Amino acid sequence: MTQTPRTAAEADLAFMRSIVEGRTTGRSTLTMGVAYLAGGLLYGLQCLFHVGQATGVIAWPDLANLIFVASITLAFLIVLAWAVREDRKAGPSAPLVTRTLNAAFSGAGMANLAIIIVFGVGSARDQDFAVWLYYPAMIFALQAAAWYVAWHLKKAPWMLATSIGGWLTAVGLGVLVREPVAYLMLCTAALFLLFAGPGAIMVRDALKSRQVGA
C-alpha cells in the first residue's frame, strides 16, 4: 500500500526518534560513541599538552612536538577504524538508517569544511592566528545545536546539559582567543566533558543494546 504524505512524514519522525533513543540496531551507534569518546580523550590530551607548552612545563624539540600531534590524529583514526569494523560484525543496517546517517554526517562535514575555509583563509589573509581560534568555538556551537535537537527528541537531561555546556564553551572560547592559556584550559575541559563524556554514555548504551538483542 502506498503511504500518504502524512503517514510517510509520521513514519520518518518516528524513525528519527528511534535513532536518538537508541532503539535502532544500525552500525553507527557504537561508531559515533567511540568517535566522541576517543576524540574527546585524545584531543583533550593534546590540548593539555599545549597547556604545558604555553606554561613552560613542556619544552620539547619541534620534531618531537610534531610527532606527538600527528600520533594523536593517527590514534584517533585507528580507534575509529576499529569501531567501524566492530559495528559491521553486528549485522547490516536497514537502507533507511544508512541513508539517514550518511546524510547527517555529510551535512556536518560540509558545515565543518565551510568553517575551516572561512577562518583558515581569514587567518592567513590577516596574518592573525587568533582568527583561526574562532574555528573550535564554532564547532562547539554546532555541537550544542545538535544536542539541543537530540534533547527535544529524547528529553534526556545529559543531552540538555551537553547542549548548554557546548553553547557556553563556544562563547567562552570566542571571548578568550587572546588569552592562550585560559583558552586551552577551557578547550581541554570541554573536550573531556562534552565529547568524551557523551561518547562514554553512547558506547555504554550501544553495548547494552547489543547484549539485550543477543
Protein backbone atom coordinates (compact mmCIF):
# COMPACT_ATOMS: atom_id res chain seq x y z
CA MET A 1 0.00 0.00 0.00
CA THR A 2 1.32 3.43 -0.93
CA GLN A 3 1.87 5.73 2.04
CA THR A 4 0.18 9.10 2.10
CA PRO A 5 2.43 12.14 2.68
CA ARG A 6 1.10 12.38 6.23
CA THR A 7 1.78 8.75 7.16
CA ALA A 8 5.19 8.90 5.48
CA ALA A 9 6.10 12.01 7.50
CA GLU A 10 4.90 10.37 10.72
CA ALA A 11 6.98 7.28 9.96
CA ASP A 12 10.06 9.41 9.30
CA LEU A 13 9.59 11.29 12.57
CA ALA A 14 9.18 8.03 14.48
CA PHE A 15 12.31 6.67 12.84
CA MET A 16 14.37 9.75 13.75
CA ARG A 17 13.16 9.47 17.33
CA SER A 18 14.21 5.82 17.42
CA ILE A 19 17.72 6.75 16.27
CA VAL A 20 18.19 9.26 19.06
CA GLU A 21 16.64 7.00 21.68
CA GLY A 22 18.89 4.12 20.66
CA ARG A 23 16.15 1.71 19.59
CA THR A 24 17.74 1.02 16.20
CA THR A 25 20.43 -1.60 15.64
CA GLY A 26 22.30 0.33 12.95
CA ARG A 27 26.02 0.35 12.60
CA SER A 28 26.53 3.96 13.54
CA THR A 29 25.58 3.85 17.25
CA LEU A 30 28.80 2.35 18.57
CA THR A 31 30.89 4.13 15.94
CA MET A 32 29.56 7.55 16.93
CA GLY A 33 30.05 6.84 20.63
CA VAL A 34 33.61 5.63 20.12
CA ALA A 35 34.35 8.65 17.89
CA TYR A 36 33.16 11.05 20.57
CA LEU A 37 34.92 9.18 23.38
CA ALA A 38 38.23 8.74 21.57
CA GLY A 39 38.14 12.24 20.08
CA GLY A 40 37.43 13.82 23.45
CA LEU A 41 40.14 11.89 25.27
CA LEU A 42 42.83 12.14 22.60
CA TYR A 43 42.32 15.74 21.56
CA GLY A 44 41.73 16.70 25.19
CA LEU A 45 45.15 15.20 25.91
CA GLN A 46 46.60 17.20 23.02
CA CYS A 47 45.12 20.43 24.38
CA LEU A 48 46.51 19.55 27.81
CA PHE A 49 49.89 19.08 26.14
CA HIS A 50 49.60 22.56 24.61
CA VAL A 51 48.72 23.97 28.05
CA GLY A 52 52.01 22.51 29.25
CA GLN A 53 53.80 24.19 26.36
CA ALA A 54 52.12 27.54 26.96
CA THR A 55 53.01 27.48 30.66
CA GLY A 56 56.59 26.34 30.06
CA VAL A 57 56.15 22.95 31.72
CA ILE A 58 56.76 21.15 28.41
CA ALA A 59 59.67 22.23 26.20
CA TRP A 60 60.16 19.53 23.60
CA PRO A 61 62.04 19.92 20.32
CA ASP A 62 59.92 20.86 17.29
CA LEU A 63 60.20 17.39 15.78
CA ALA A 64 59.01 15.73 18.98
CA ASN A 65 56.05 18.13 19.13
CA LEU A 66 55.11 17.30 15.54
CA ILE A 67 55.35 13.55 16.18
CA PHE A 68 53.14 13.82 19.26
CA VAL A 69 50.44 15.84 17.49
CA ALA A 70 50.49 13.53 14.47
CA SER A 71 50.27 10.50 16.77
CA ILE A 72 47.07 11.86 18.32
CA THR A 73 45.33 12.00 14.94
CA LEU A 74 46.73 8.61 13.92
CA ALA A 75 45.49 7.03 17.16
CA PHE A 76 42.04 8.54 16.62
CA LEU A 77 41.82 7.13 13.09
CA ILE A 78 42.91 3.68 14.31
CA VAL A 79 40.26 3.64 17.04
CA LEU A 80 37.60 4.84 14.62
CA ALA A 81 38.52 2.14 12.11
CA TRP A 82 38.23 -0.49 14.85
CA ALA A 83 34.79 0.80 15.87
CA VAL A 84 33.52 0.67 12.28
CA ARG A 85 34.80 -2.90 11.95
CA GLU A 86 33.13 -3.93 15.19
CA ASP A 87 29.83 -2.37 14.11
CA ARG A 88 29.91 -4.35 10.88
CA LYS A 89 30.01 -7.56 12.91
CA ALA A 90 26.63 -6.63 14.39
CA GLY A 91 24.92 -7.14 11.05
CA PRO A 92 23.80 -4.96 8.15
CA SER A 93 21.85 -1.76 8.68
CA ALA A 94 18.49 -1.04 7.15
CA PRO A 95 18.79 1.08 3.97
CA LEU A 96 16.90 3.98 5.53
CA VAL A 97 19.22 4.00 8.53
CA THR A 98 22.25 4.09 6.28
CA ARG A 99 20.92 6.89 4.10
CA THR A 100 19.91 8.98 7.09
CA LEU A 101 23.24 8.63 8.84
CA ASN A 102 25.19 9.29 5.65
CA ALA A 103 23.19 12.45 5.07
CA ALA A 104 23.71 13.60 8.67
CA PHE A 105 27.48 13.05 8.58
CA SER A 106 27.76 14.60 5.12
CA GLY A 107 25.85 17.66 6.25
CA ALA A 108 28.03 18.08 9.34
CA GLY A 109 31.15 17.59 7.23
CA MET A 110 30.04 20.25 4.76
CA ALA A 111 29.41 22.72 7.59
CA ASN A 112 32.79 21.99 9.18
CA LEU A 113 34.57 22.34 5.86
CA ALA A 114 32.96 25.72 5.25
CA ILE A 115 34.02 26.91 8.71
CA ILE A 116 37.59 25.69 8.17
CA ILE A 117 37.84 27.54 4.86
CA VAL A 118 36.33 30.77 6.20
CA PHE A 119 38.50 31.03 9.30
CA GLY A 120 41.57 29.49 7.67
CA VAL A 121 41.53 31.99 4.79
CA GLY A 122 40.74 34.85 7.16
CA SER A 123 43.60 33.92 9.48
CA ALA A 124 46.10 33.64 6.61
CA ARG A 125 44.91 36.86 4.96
CA ASP A 126 45.06 38.92 8.14
CA GLN A 127 48.22 37.20 9.42
CA ASP A 128 46.43 36.71 12.74
CA PHE A 129 46.36 33.23 14.27
CA ALA A 130 43.67 34.34 16.72
CA VAL A 131 41.19 34.40 13.83
CA TRP A 132 41.73 30.65 13.36
CA LEU A 133 40.98 30.08 17.04
CA TYR A 134 37.36 31.03 16.41
CA TYR A 135 37.00 27.77 14.47
CA PRO A 136 36.78 25.49 17.57
CA ALA A 137 34.25 27.88 19.05
CA MET A 138 32.01 27.39 16.03
CA ILE A 139 32.39 23.62 16.25
CA PHE A 140 31.18 23.65 19.85
CA ALA A 141 28.28 25.89 18.81
CA LEU A 142 27.26 23.38 16.12
CA GLN A 143 27.53 20.55 18.61
CA ALA A 144 25.37 22.49 21.06
CA ALA A 145 22.67 22.87 18.41
CA ALA A 146 22.79 19.16 17.54
CA TRP A 147 22.50 18.08 21.18
CA TYR A 148 19.62 20.51 21.69
CA VAL A 149 17.71 18.78 18.89
CA ALA A 150 18.56 15.39 20.42
CA TRP A 151 17.29 16.56 23.80
CA HIS A 152 13.99 17.70 22.27
CA LEU A 153 13.52 14.21 20.83
CA LYS A 154 14.51 12.19 23.88
CA LYS A 155 14.39 14.62 26.82
CA ALA A 156 17.50 13.06 28.37
CA PRO A 157 18.95 15.51 30.93
CA TRP A 158 22.55 14.76 29.95
CA MET A 159 21.80 15.80 26.37
CA LEU A 160 20.48 19.17 27.52
CA ALA A 161 23.50 19.59 29.81
CA THR A 162 25.81 18.80 26.88
CA SER A 163 23.99 21.33 24.70
CA ILE A 164 24.21 24.08 27.32
CA GLY A 165 27.84 23.22 28.00
CA GLY A 166 28.65 23.40 24.30
CA TRP A 167 26.96 26.79 24.00
CA LEU A 168 28.83 28.19 26.99
CA THR A 169 32.10 26.74 25.68
CA ALA A 170 31.57 28.36 22.27
CA VAL A 171 31.02 31.75 23.88
CA GLY A 172 33.93 31.27 26.27
CA LEU A 173 36.36 30.30 23.52
CA GLY A 174 35.26 33.25 21.43
CA VAL A 175 35.97 35.62 24.31
CA LEU A 176 39.32 34.02 25.22
CA VAL A 177 41.03 33.90 21.81
CA ARG A 178 43.58 36.47 23.00
CA GLU A 179 44.23 34.56 26.24
CA PRO A 180 46.03 31.37 25.12
CA VAL A 181 46.39 29.60 28.47
CA ALA A 182 42.78 30.19 29.55
CA TYR A 183 41.59 29.29 26.03
CA LEU A 184 43.48 25.99 26.06
CA MET A 185 42.33 25.10 29.57
CA LEU A 186 38.68 25.69 28.65
CA CYS A 187 39.06 23.70 25.44
CA THR A 188 40.71 20.84 27.36
CA ALA A 189 37.92 20.66 29.92
CA ALA A 190 35.22 20.89 27.22
CA LEU A 191 36.74 18.06 25.18
CA PHE A 192 36.84 15.76 28.19
CA LEU A 193 33.37 16.70 29.46
CA LEU A 194 31.37 17.43 26.29
CA PHE A 195 32.91 14.94 23.86
CA ALA A 196 34.40 12.10 25.91
CA GLY A 197 31.53 12.21 28.42
CA PRO A 198 28.66 11.83 25.92
CA GLY A 199 30.80 9.34 23.99
CA ALA A 200 31.10 7.13 27.05
CA ILE A 201 27.33 7.24 27.53
CA MET A 202 26.68 6.33 23.88
CA VAL A 203 29.18 3.47 23.97
CA ARG A 204 27.61 2.14 27.17
CA ASP A 205 24.10 2.30 25.67
CA ALA A 206 25.23 0.71 22.40
CA LEU A 207 26.89 -2.21 24.19
CA LYS A 208 23.90 -2.64 26.46
CA SER A 209 21.60 -2.68 23.42
CA ARG A 210 23.72 -5.42 21.84
CA GLN A 211 23.54 -7.53 24.98
CA VAL A 212 19.75 -7.22 25.08
CA GLY A 213 19.47 -8.09 21.40
CA ALA A 214 21.88 -11.02 21.65
